[in-house]
Protein backbone atom coordinates (compact mmCIF):
# COMPACT_ATOMS: atom_id res chain seq x y z
CA MET A 1 45.33 29.93 -56.86
CA ILE A 2 45.24 27.36 -59.64
CA ALA A 3 46.21 28.91 -62.90
CA ASP A 4 48.09 28.16 -66.05
CA ALA A 5 50.81 30.39 -67.66
CA THR A 6 48.07 32.67 -69.02
CA ASN A 7 46.57 33.24 -65.58
CA GLN A 8 43.25 31.62 -66.64
CA CYS A 9 41.37 29.65 -64.03
CA GLU A 10 41.24 25.86 -64.20
CA ARG A 11 37.83 24.23 -64.57
CA ILE A 12 37.37 21.24 -62.29
CA LEU A 13 34.63 18.60 -62.09
CA ALA A 14 34.32 17.15 -58.65
CA VAL A 15 32.50 13.80 -58.30
CA ASP A 16 31.09 12.01 -55.29
CA LEU A 17 30.16 8.42 -55.98
CA ARG A 18 27.14 6.60 -54.59
CA PRO A 19 25.65 3.16 -55.38
CA HIS A 20 23.05 4.48 -57.96
CA TRP A 21 23.95 8.39 -57.88
CA VAL A 22 26.77 10.54 -58.48
CA GLY A 23 26.89 13.97 -57.08
CA PHE A 24 28.87 16.55 -59.13
CA ALA A 25 30.01 20.08 -58.83
CA VAL A 26 31.82 22.15 -61.56
CA PHE A 27 34.17 24.89 -60.57
CA ASP A 28 36.19 27.58 -62.22
CA ALA A 29 38.94 27.40 -59.63
CA PRO A 30 39.55 28.72 -57.27
CA THR A 31 36.21 30.29 -56.19
CA ARG A 32 33.43 30.19 -58.71
CA LEU A 33 30.83 27.33 -58.52
CA LEU A 34 29.51 26.90 -62.08
CA ASP A 35 26.99 24.05 -61.71
CA PHE A 36 26.09 21.08 -59.35
CA GLY A 37 23.59 18.31 -59.30
CA LEU A 38 22.91 14.64 -59.07
CA VAL A 39 23.12 12.08 -61.96
CA LYS A 40 21.32 8.82 -61.67
CA LEU A 41 23.29 5.69 -62.76
CA PRO A 42 20.69 3.16 -63.62
CA SER A 43 23.25 0.54 -65.18
CA ARG A 44 26.99 0.01 -65.52
CA GLY A 45 27.09 1.03 -69.08
CA SER A 46 25.56 4.43 -68.50
CA LYS A 47 28.38 5.60 -66.35
CA GLU A 48 30.64 6.43 -69.35
CA ILE A 49 27.72 7.98 -71.31
CA ARG A 50 26.69 10.19 -68.45
CA PHE A 51 30.32 11.26 -67.87
CA ILE A 52 30.91 11.94 -71.37
CA ARG A 53 27.86 14.34 -71.36
CA LEU A 54 29.19 16.17 -68.32
CA VAL A 55 32.60 16.33 -69.93
CA GLU A 56 31.24 17.76 -73.13
CA ARG A 57 29.05 20.25 -71.42
CA PHE A 58 31.70 21.76 -68.99
CA ARG A 59 35.13 20.81 -70.64
CA PRO A 60 36.94 20.38 -67.26
CA ARG A 61 40.71 19.94 -67.23
CA VAL A 62 40.62 17.89 -64.04
CA VAL A 63 38.10 15.37 -62.58
CA VAL A 64 38.31 14.69 -58.83
CA ILE A 65 36.76 11.57 -57.55
CA ARG A 66 35.91 11.05 -53.95
CA GLY A 67 35.59 7.49 -53.06
CA ASP A 68 36.87 6.11 -49.82
CA ARG A 69 33.55 4.72 -48.78
CA HIS A 70 33.13 3.03 -51.99
CA ARG A 71 36.84 2.46 -52.90
CA ARG A 72 36.11 -0.50 -55.43
CA ARG A 73 33.44 1.53 -56.98
CA ALA A 74 35.62 4.62 -57.19
CA GLU A 75 38.48 2.54 -58.75
CA ALA A 76 35.90 0.90 -61.37
CA PHE A 77 34.50 4.41 -62.23
CA ARG A 78 38.02 5.57 -62.75
CA ARG A 79 39.01 2.74 -65.01
CA ALA A 80 35.84 3.21 -66.96
CA LEU A 81 36.70 6.83 -67.34
CA GLU A 82 40.26 6.27 -68.68
CA PRO A 83 39.24 6.20 -72.43
CA VAL A 84 37.06 9.28 -71.95
CA SER A 85 39.67 11.11 -69.95
CA ALA A 86 42.35 10.25 -72.53
CA ARG A 87 40.17 11.31 -75.48
CA TYR A 88 39.40 14.73 -73.83
CA SER A 89 43.00 15.20 -72.24
CA ILE A 90 41.49 15.29 -68.69
CA SER A 91 43.49 14.57 -65.62
CA VAL A 92 41.59 12.23 -63.12
CA GLU A 93 42.51 12.58 -59.49
CA ARG A 94 41.29 10.69 -56.42
CA LEU A 95 40.70 12.47 -53.03
CA GLY A 96 40.00 10.49 -49.96
CA GLU A 97 37.40 11.17 -47.29
CA HIS A 98 40.11 11.57 -44.74
CA ALA A 99 41.57 14.63 -46.50
CA VAL A 100 38.03 16.27 -46.74
CA ARG A 101 37.29 15.47 -43.11
CA HIS A 102 40.68 16.79 -41.97
CA HIS A 103 40.35 20.02 -43.87
CA PHE A 104 36.89 20.89 -42.48
CA GLU A 105 37.87 19.83 -38.95
CA GLY A 106 40.58 22.41 -39.17
CA LEU A 107 37.66 24.91 -39.62
CA GLY A 108 35.74 23.71 -36.73
CA VAL A 109 33.25 21.71 -38.77
CA HIS A 110 32.73 18.17 -37.31
CA ASN A 111 29.69 16.68 -39.31
CA LYS A 112 28.09 16.82 -42.81
CA GLU A 113 25.24 19.01 -41.69
CA GLN A 114 27.71 21.66 -40.44
CA ARG A 115 29.82 21.27 -43.64
CA SER A 116 26.58 21.68 -45.85
CA ALA A 117 25.86 24.88 -43.90
CA LEU A 118 29.40 26.22 -44.18
CA LEU A 119 29.40 25.52 -48.06
CA ALA A 120 26.02 27.16 -48.39
CA GLN A 121 27.47 30.25 -46.82
CA GLN A 122 30.39 30.23 -49.28
CA PHE A 123 28.21 29.36 -52.27
CA SER A 124 24.83 31.13 -51.97
CA GLU A 125 23.54 29.20 -54.80
CA LEU A 126 23.51 26.05 -52.68
CA ALA A 127 21.36 27.64 -49.87
CA TRP A 128 18.22 26.11 -51.10
CA LYS A 129 19.65 22.57 -51.25
CA VAL A 130 20.93 22.45 -47.60
CA PRO A 131 19.41 19.30 -46.12
CA PRO A 132 17.57 19.45 -42.80
CA ALA A 133 19.38 18.21 -39.71
CA ARG A 134 18.74 14.41 -39.59
CA LYS A 135 18.06 12.19 -36.62
CA ARG A 136 20.32 9.17 -36.07
CA TRP A 137 17.77 6.76 -37.35
CA GLN A 138 17.11 8.75 -40.62
CA HIS A 139 18.86 8.06 -43.87
CA GLU A 140 21.12 10.61 -45.23
CA HIS A 141 19.37 13.29 -47.32
CA GLN A 142 19.25 12.96 -51.01
CA ASN A 143 21.04 16.29 -51.57
CA MET A 144 24.02 15.23 -49.57
CA PRO A 145 26.08 13.89 -52.56
CA ILE A 146 25.95 17.36 -54.03
CA PHE A 147 27.53 18.77 -50.84
CA ASP A 148 30.09 16.03 -50.71
CA ALA A 149 31.01 16.74 -54.33
CA VAL A 150 31.34 20.50 -53.53
CA ALA A 151 33.37 19.87 -50.42
CA THR A 152 35.67 17.64 -52.56
CA GLY A 153 36.16 20.44 -55.20
CA VAL A 154 36.96 23.02 -52.46
CA VAL A 155 39.51 20.75 -50.71
CA TYR A 156 41.12 19.85 -53.96
CA VAL A 157 41.39 23.44 -55.10
CA GLN A 158 42.81 24.52 -51.67
CA SER A 159 45.29 21.65 -51.43
CA THR A 160 46.44 22.29 -54.98
CA ALA A 161 46.80 25.93 -54.25
CA LYS A 162 49.08 25.20 -51.23
CA ALA A 163 51.18 22.93 -53.29
CA LEU A 164 51.82 25.69 -55.84
CA ARG A 165 52.93 28.20 -53.25
């Protein structure tokens, strides 16, 4: 369990970066999903503005960025967030795709569709967003960044909880 000295839960903003979209999920760690969604990033300058809005709305203590697939974009996003995170005293962490995949493979989940279904069972508010199974030739569903952000937050919370034991 993630908690400070007063045993209050830590608020976490998990982010999954895509070329023009950011999937996000906000947790009151360890188990409560507060909000989730997609944010469109129409231009480079809007990243900081959109992030500031998320930070002001949810007041997280930690932002977890997932970005192996788009490593350069993740690092650029992280650098762009440094002034914002310093202003709001937010810790910015990076979590790789390998860590997320390894965690869910340990649960018997081997693809994103299975991962989405498992997360929808854990967080019932996500059930209506579960993407349909896709064929090999189809593009990934537009809701998948939401589930990737939720998965990032879940893995971060559980890995941090293990470290505190």
